[in-house]
Protein backbone atom coordinates (compact mmCIF):
# COMPACT_ATOMS: atom_id res chain seq x y z
CA UNK A 1 13.23 -2.20 -27.71
CA UNK A 2 12.74 -5.68 -26.24
CA UNK A 3 14.82 -6.12 -23.07
CA UNK A 4 15.40 -9.46 -21.32
CA UNK A 5 12.54 -8.96 -18.87
CA UNK A 6 10.10 -8.15 -21.68
CA UNK A 7 11.34 -11.11 -23.71
CA UNK A 8 10.52 -13.47 -20.84
CA UNK A 9 7.06 -11.88 -20.50
CA UNK A 10 6.41 -12.60 -24.19
CA UNK A 11 7.49 -16.23 -23.73
CA UNK A 12 4.76 -16.98 -21.17
CA UNK A 13 1.99 -18.30 -23.47
CA UNK A 14 4.37 -20.84 -24.99
CA UNK A 15 5.70 -21.79 -21.54
CA UNK A 16 2.17 -22.38 -20.27
CA UNK A 17 1.30 -24.45 -23.33
CA UNK A 18 4.47 -26.53 -22.92
CA UNK A 19 3.76 -27.11 -19.23
CA UNK A 20 0.14 -28.12 -19.80
CA UNK A 21 1.05 -30.38 -22.74
CA UNK A 22 3.68 -32.10 -20.58
CA UNK A 23 1.04 -33.11 -18.04
CA UNK A 24 -1.55 -34.21 -20.58
CA UNK A 25 0.51 -37.16 -21.74
CA UNK A 26 3.50 -39.39 -21.16
CA UNK A 27 5.85 -38.61 -18.29
CA UNK A 28 3.78 -35.73 -16.92
CA UNK A 29 0.62 -37.83 -16.78
CA UNK A 30 2.52 -40.57 -14.96
CA UNK A 31 3.72 -38.03 -12.37
CA UNK A 32 0.15 -36.93 -11.65
CA UNK A 33 -0.96 -40.56 -11.41
CA UNK A 34 1.80 -41.24 -8.85
CA UNK A 35 0.70 -38.27 -6.72
CA UNK A 36 -2.89 -39.50 -6.93
CA UNK A 37 -1.80 -42.95 -5.75
CA UNK A 38 0.16 -41.49 -2.80
CA UNK A 39 -2.82 -39.34 -1.84
CA UNK A 40 -5.23 -42.26 -1.92
CA UNK A 41 -2.86 -44.69 -0.20
CA UNK A 42 -1.52 -42.49 2.58
CA UNK A 43 -4.52 -40.20 3.12
CA UNK A 44 -2.39 -37.34 4.51
CA UNK A 45 -4.00 -35.35 7.27
CA UNK A 46 -2.95 -31.99 5.86
CA UNK A 47 -1.00 -30.30 3.10
CA UNK A 48 1.78 -27.83 3.92
CA UNK A 49 3.15 -25.60 1.15
CA UNK A 50 6.46 -23.84 1.58
CA UNK A 51 8.77 -21.69 -0.53
CA UNK A 52 10.38 -18.26 -0.74
CA UNK A 53 9.42 -15.21 -2.81
CA UNK A 54 7.26 -16.13 -5.81
CA UNK A 55 7.36 -19.76 -4.70
CA UNK A 56 5.86 -18.74 -1.36
CA UNK A 57 3.18 -16.56 -2.98
CA UNK A 58 1.91 -19.01 -5.59
CA UNK A 59 0.37 -21.64 -3.25
CA UNK A 60 -1.95 -19.13 -1.56
CA UNK A 61 -4.28 -19.79 -4.50
CA UNK A 62 -3.94 -23.55 -4.00
CA UNK A 63 -4.87 -23.12 -0.32
CA UNK A 64 -8.19 -21.56 -1.32
CA UNK A 65 -8.97 -24.43 -3.70
CA UNK A 66 -8.16 -27.14 -1.17
CA UNK A 67 -10.09 -25.41 1.61
CA UNK A 68 -13.20 -25.39 -0.57
CA UNK A 69 -12.96 -29.17 -0.70
CA UNK A 70 -12.44 -29.59 3.02
CA UNK A 71 -8.73 -30.36 2.78
CA UNK A 72 -6.67 -28.78 5.54
CA UNK A 73 -3.75 -26.88 4.05
CA UNK A 74 -1.47 -23.99 4.94
CA UNK A 75 1.34 -22.03 3.34
CA UNK A 76 4.39 -21.25 5.47
CA UNK A 77 7.35 -19.17 4.39
CA UNK A 78 10.31 -21.54 4.07
CA UNK A 79 12.57 -19.39 6.25
CA UNK A 80 9.98 -19.37 9.01
CA UNK A 81 9.28 -23.09 8.62
CA UNK A 82 12.99 -23.86 8.86
CA UNK A 83 13.56 -21.93 12.09
CA UNK A 84 10.21 -21.81 13.90
CA UNK A 85 7.66 -24.29 12.58
CA UNK A 86 9.44 -27.58 11.83
CA UNK A 87 7.47 -29.41 14.56
CA UNK A 88 4.43 -29.05 12.26
CA UNK A 89 6.03 -31.63 9.96
CA UNK A 90 4.44 -34.61 11.62
CA UNK A 91 3.98 -38.09 10.15
CA UNK A 92 0.98 -38.08 7.86
CA UNK A 93 1.58 -34.59 6.46
CA UNK A 94 2.13 -33.94 2.77
CA UNK A 95 4.82 -31.28 2.30
CA UNK A 96 4.92 -29.42 -1.01
CA UNK A 97 8.27 -27.64 -1.32
CA UNK A 98 8.35 -25.04 -4.08
CA UNK A 99 11.54 -23.58 -5.53
CA UNK A 100 11.97 -22.47 -9.13
CA UNK A 101 15.69 -23.23 -9.02
CA UNK A 102 15.34 -26.16 -6.66
CA UNK A 103 18.34 -24.73 -4.82
CA UNK A 104 16.88 -22.01 -2.56
CA UNK A 105 18.85 -22.07 0.69
CA UNK A 106 15.89 -22.44 3.03
CA UNK A 107 14.22 -25.18 0.99
CA UNK A 108 17.44 -27.19 0.71
CA UNK A 109 17.89 -26.98 4.50
CA UNK A 110 14.29 -28.10 5.08
CA UNK A 111 14.89 -31.13 2.85
CA UNK A 112 17.67 -32.17 5.25
CA UNK A 113 15.31 -32.06 8.23
CA UNK A 114 12.12 -33.73 6.96
CA UNK A 115 11.15 -36.46 9.46
CA UNK A 116 10.16 -39.95 8.37
CA UNK A 117 6.48 -40.32 7.63
CA UNK A 118 6.27 -36.96 5.83
CA UNK A 119 5.98 -37.19 2.06
CA UNK A 120 7.65 -34.36 0.13
CA UNK A 121 6.42 -33.25 -3.28
CA UNK A 122 8.83 -30.90 -5.04
CA UNK A 123 7.62 -28.21 -7.43
CA UNK A 124 10.54 -26.86 -9.44
CA UNK A 125 11.68 -25.69 -12.85
CA UNK A 126 14.96 -27.61 -12.69
CA UNK A 127 14.79 -31.39 -13.02
CA UNK A 128 18.45 -31.86 -11.99
CA UNK A 129 18.14 -29.72 -8.85
CA UNK A 130 18.53 -30.72 -5.21
CA UNK A 131 14.79 -30.41 -4.68
CA UNK A 132 13.91 -32.60 -7.66
CA UNK A 133 16.41 -35.20 -6.49
CA UNK A 134 15.35 -35.37 -2.84
CA UNK A 135 11.56 -35.07 -3.19
CA UNK A 136 9.50 -38.24 -3.38
CA UNK A 137 8.02 -36.85 -6.61
CA UNK A 138 9.01 -33.76 -8.58
CA UNK A 139 6.40 -31.66 -10.37
CA UNK A 140 8.25 -29.78 -13.11
CA UNK A 141 7.09 -26.36 -14.28
CA UNK A 142 8.77 -26.60 -17.73
CA UNK A 143 9.34 -22.83 -17.94
CA UNK A 144 12.79 -23.00 -19.47
CA UNK A 145 15.70 -20.74 -18.51
CA UNK A 146 14.72 -17.53 -16.72
CA UNK A 147 17.30 -14.83 -15.96
CA UNK A 148 15.26 -11.92 -14.67
CA UNK A 149 12.60 -11.28 -12.01
CA UNK A 150 10.11 -14.17 -12.00
CA UNK A 151 7.50 -14.02 -14.74
CA UNK A 152 7.18 -17.25 -16.67
CA UNK A 153 8.28 -19.43 -13.74
CA UNK A 154 5.58 -17.82 -11.59
CA UNK A 155 2.70 -18.42 -14.02
CA UNK A 156 3.87 -21.94 -14.84
CA UNK A 157 4.06 -22.73 -11.10
CA UNK A 158 0.47 -21.52 -10.72
CA UNK A 159 -0.57 -23.84 -13.54
CA UNK A 160 1.25 -26.81 -12.01
CA UNK A 161 -0.34 -26.13 -8.63
CA UNK A 162 -3.75 -25.99 -10.32
CA UNK A 163 -3.13 -29.50 -11.64
CA UNK A 164 -1.84 -30.59 -8.23
CA UNK A 165 -5.03 -29.40 -6.51
CA UNK A 166 -7.14 -31.14 -9.14
CA UNK A 167 -5.43 -34.41 -8.20
CA UNK A 168 -5.89 -33.89 -4.45
CA UNK A 169 -9.57 -32.94 -4.86
CA UNK A 170 -10.16 -35.93 -7.18
CA UNK A 171 -11.12 -33.72 -10.13
CA UNK A 172 -8.21 -34.73 -12.36
CA UNK A 173 -8.41 -37.34 -15.05
CA UNK A 174 -6.30 -37.85 -18.17
CA UNK A 175 -7.45 -35.74 -21.09
CA UNK A 176 -7.91 -32.12 -22.17
CA UNK A 177 -8.51 -29.43 -19.54
CA UNK A 178 -10.56 -26.72 -21.31
CA UNK A 179 -10.43 -24.15 -18.51
CA UNK A 180 -6.63 -24.16 -18.52
CA UNK A 181 -6.56 -23.81 -22.31
CA UNK A 182 -8.88 -20.81 -21.99
CA UNK A 183 -6.63 -19.31 -19.32
CA UNK A 184 -3.63 -19.54 -21.64
CA UNK A 185 -5.65 -17.83 -24.38
CA UNK A 186 -6.42 -15.03 -21.91
CA UNK A 187 -2.69 -14.55 -21.32
CA UNK A 188 -2.12 -14.36 -25.09
CA UNK A 189 -4.89 -11.80 -25.50
CA UNK A 190 -3.55 -9.55 -22.76
CA UNK A 191 -0.06 -9.61 -24.24
CA UNK A 192 -1.28 -8.97 -27.78
CA UNK A 193 -3.61 -6.12 -26.74
CA UNK A 194 -1.25 -4.44 -24.26
CA UNK A 195 -0.98 -1.20 -26.25
CA UNK A 196 -4.70 -0.57 -25.73
CA UNK A 197 -4.31 -0.08 -21.98
CA UNK A 198 -0.62 0.20 -21.05
CA UNK A 199 0.11 3.84 -21.90
CA UNK A 200 -3.22 5.10 -20.49
CA UNK A 201 -2.74 3.19 -17.24
CA UNK A 202 0.82 4.51 -16.85
CA UNK A 203 -0.44 8.06 -17.32
CA UNK A 204 -3.15 7.36 -14.74
CA UNK A 205 -0.82 5.69 -12.23
CA UNK A 206 2.22 7.92 -12.67
CA UNK A 207 5.39 7.13 -10.72
CA UNK A 208 4.19 7.29 -7.12
CA UNK A 209 6.64 6.85 -4.21
CA UNK A 210 4.62 3.85 -2.97
CA UNK A 211 2.00 1.48 -4.41
CA UNK A 212 -0.40 -0.61 -2.35
CA UNK A 213 -1.62 -3.84 -3.97
CA UNK A 214 -4.82 -5.31 -2.57
CA UNK A 215 -6.85 -8.47 -3.09
CA UNK A 216 -8.55 -11.40 -1.45
CA UNK A 217 -8.76 -15.16 -1.75
CA UNK A 218 -7.03 -16.72 -4.78
CA UNK A 219 -5.93 -13.30 -6.05
CA UNK A 220 -3.70 -12.80 -3.03
CA UNK A 221 -0.95 -14.79 -4.79
CA UNK A 222 -0.68 -12.22 -7.57
CA UNK A 223 -1.13 -9.33 -5.16
CA UNK A 224 2.05 -10.43 -3.39
CA UNK A 225 3.84 -11.23 -6.64
CA UNK A 226 2.89 -7.85 -8.09
CA UNK A 227 4.28 -6.04 -5.07
CA UNK A 228 7.49 -8.07 -5.25
CA UNK A 229 7.98 -7.20 -8.93
CA UNK A 230 7.52 -3.49 -8.27
CA UNK A 231 10.11 -3.63 -5.50
CA UNK A 232 12.51 -5.95 -7.29
CA UNK A 233 12.26 -5.02 -10.98
CA UNK A 234 11.15 -1.37 -10.79
CA UNK A 235 13.04 -0.73 -7.52
CA UNK A 236 10.10 1.14 -6.01
CA UNK A 237 8.45 0.62 -2.59
CA UNK A 238 5.27 -1.45 -2.71
CA UNK A 239 3.33 -3.87 -0.53
CA UNK A 240 0.58 -6.43 -0.86
CA UNK A 241 -2.26 -6.78 1.63
CA UNK A 242 -5.60 -8.52 2.03
CA UNK A 243 -8.59 -6.32 1.29
CA UNK A 244 -10.06 -6.84 4.72
CA UNK A 245 -6.77 -5.99 6.43
CA UNK A 246 -6.49 -2.75 4.48
CA UNK A 247 -9.63 -1.48 6.20
CA UNK A 248 -8.13 -2.23 9.60
CA UNK A 249 -5.77 0.74 9.70
CA UNK A 250 -3.94 1.14 6.35
CA UNK A 251 -7.03 2.87 4.92
CA UNK A 252 -5.63 5.96 6.68
CA UNK A 253 -3.08 6.25 3.85
CA UNK A 254 -5.89 7.03 1.39
CA UNK A 255 -5.43 10.65 0.40
CA UNK A 256 -4.39 12.73 -2.60
CA UNK A 257 -1.38 11.12 -4.25
CA UNK A 258 -2.09 7.62 -2.87
CA UNK A 259 -2.09 4.86 -5.49
CA UNK A 260 -3.54 1.37 -5.15
CA UNK A 261 -3.90 -1.59 -7.49
CA UNK A 262 -6.84 -3.82 -6.59
CA UNK A 263 -7.41 -7.31 -7.99
CA UNK A 264 -11.16 -7.91 -7.92
CA UNK A 265 -12.43 -10.82 -10.01
CA UNK A 266 -16.08 -11.79 -10.07
CA UNK A 267 -16.56 -14.19 -7.21
CA UNK A 268 -17.05 -14.40 -3.47
CA UNK A 269 -15.58 -10.99 -2.54
CA UNK A 270 -16.03 -9.00 -5.76
CA UNK A 271 -18.43 -6.48 -4.21
CA UNK A 272 -16.05 -5.85 -1.31
CA UNK A 273 -13.24 -5.11 -3.77
CA UNK A 274 -15.33 -2.60 -5.72
CA UNK A 275 -16.53 -0.88 -2.57
CA UNK A 276 -12.95 -0.60 -1.32
CA UNK A 277 -11.86 0.99 -4.62
CA UNK A 278 -14.66 3.54 -4.36
CA UNK A 279 -13.81 4.34 -0.74
CA UNK A 280 -10.14 4.90 -1.55
CA UNK A 281 -11.07 7.37 -4.28
CA UNK A 282 -13.54 9.08 -1.96
CA UNK A 283 -10.61 9.97 0.29
CA UNK A 284 -8.52 11.29 -2.62
CA UNK A 285 -6.62 8.22 -3.87
CA UNK A 286 -6.55 6.57 -7.28
CA UNK A 287 -7.11 2.88 -8.06
CA UNK A 288 -6.09 0.67 -10.96
CA UNK A 289 -8.75 -2.05 -10.89
CA UNK A 290 -7.77 -5.42 -12.39
CA UNK A 291 -11.03 -7.29 -12.90
CA UNK A 292 -12.92 -9.64 -15.18
CA UNK A 293 -16.16 -7.73 -14.69
CA UNK A 294 -17.62 -5.91 -17.69
CA UNK A 295 -19.39 -3.39 -15.47
CA UNK A 296 -18.85 0.26 -16.37
CA UNK A 297 -17.00 2.52 -13.96
CA UNK A 298 -17.81 6.22 -14.23
CA UNK A 299 -15.46 7.20 -11.39
CA UNK A 300 -12.50 9.02 -13.06
CA UNK A 301 -10.19 7.89 -10.26
CA UNK A 302 -10.75 4.19 -11.03
CA UNK A 303 -9.00 2.78 -14.11
CA UNK A 304 -10.21 -0.76 -14.98
CA UNK A 305 -8.07 -3.32 -16.79
CA UNK A 306 -10.25 -6.16 -18.07
CA UNK A 307 -9.00 -9.74 -17.73
CA UNK A 308 -10.66 -12.25 -20.13
CA UNK A 309 -10.82 -15.06 -17.56
CA UNK A 310 -14.01 -15.88 -15.68
CA UNK A 311 -12.65 -18.47 -13.23
CA UNK A 312 -11.82 -16.80 -9.90
CA UNK A 313 -9.32 -19.55 -9.06
CA UNK A 314 -7.43 -19.26 -12.37
CA UNK A 315 -7.64 -15.45 -12.46
CA UNK A 316 -4.22 -15.07 -10.74
CA UNK A 317 -2.49 -16.39 -13.89
CA UNK A 318 -3.64 -13.79 -16.46
CA UNK A 319 -4.11 -10.99 -13.92
CA UNK A 320 -0.34 -10.83 -13.30
CA UNK A 321 0.28 -9.92 -16.96
CA UNK A 322 -0.75 -6.23 -16.70
CA UNK A 323 1.41 -5.88 -13.59
CA UNK A 324 4.42 -7.27 -15.46
CA UNK A 325 4.02 -4.73 -18.26
CA UNK A 326 3.49 -1.89 -15.79
CA UNK A 327 6.68 -2.86 -13.98
CA UNK A 328 8.65 -3.06 -17.22
CA UNK A 329 7.49 0.37 -18.42
CA UNK A 330 8.08 1.88 -15.00
CA UNK A 331 11.66 0.59 -14.82
CA UNK A 332 12.46 1.71 -18.35
CA UNK A 333 11.01 5.17 -17.68
CA UNK A 334 13.28 5.45 -14.64
CA UNK A 335 16.32 4.46 -16.68
CA UNK A 336 16.73 1.05 -15.04
CA UNK A 337 17.13 -2.39 -16.57
CA UNK A 338 13.93 -4.11 -15.42
CA UNK A 339 14.34 -7.34 -13.51
CA UNK A 340 18.14 -7.30 -13.45
CA UNK A 341 19.67 -8.19 -10.08
CA UNK A 342 22.34 -5.74 -8.88
CA UNK A 343 22.40 -6.33 -5.11
CA UNK A 344 21.29 -9.94 -4.92
CA UNK A 345 21.01 -12.90 -7.28
CA UNK A 346 18.38 -14.88 -9.14
CA UNK A 347 19.01 -17.87 -6.89
CA UNK A 348 19.41 -17.06 -3.19
CA UNK A 349 21.86 -19.47 -1.58
CA UNK A 350 22.36 -17.76 1.78
CA UNK A 351 20.23 -16.31 4.58
């Protein structure tokens, strides 16, 4: 049976294609050209990303990209920026406000307080929203209507931010973007081949009382998003943490019955991710390893899910797909409607 959450998961390849196609021509291309002109003309001293929930998680990947090109950037939770860090919005800064609805309470309040000299770029799925209307330029994610826990709006936001960072690092030019096309194909492949790994990984993972998600660098976006989905859509405790931080204390949780999901793409910290997985199992835990490595793993307490995407900085897009299916199956097994809001709402309009 296809529920609403699963339906929106299946829509993601088309959403990604629509979003990419929008920016390869016409209005979307003009938007990117305008951002490029602002960047070249104003030469902002730093980039500040802000948002809530999925919209706060997504730009962690963009931070890693910009840092590699020597561009100072940071991601600040919109609630914290609103109440504690507004003085950071100094003339010369480029503020990227992210809100799928464009109506998130904290983001709307920040828009009312932006000082002159700060340029605001809005990243949103709703072109008639407050954010789209008040931002200097609106980057649209083109994900269509989404009713349940964020799936297609999250991946489309990641794609838009990838284009945004290409502009800021002067790597964007009109025309096809093969690596993004390949990333979309990876998403399709994971969805189409889900039956090969989904039931085995659910048997391996079980229904533990808590799941720790772990990753580093660009993957941290999907580590946080994965934990949010488990809490929100499967209604089960979970948390996301950096791999290095896990060794500084939380490793003590590693014992029989402990379950972790580690995102470890080939790249700068791949070896650290594999070693951490092995150490967790050495203390009695089990690890679902989401990786693009083809290496064999003989450890029976490590279950690898292979992601057909070799770019460490695009890996967060397809690597969230297995987590979405795990969450859906988990919720259904528990007799819950996955992704349906019963105590809150899709759009949060209060603190």
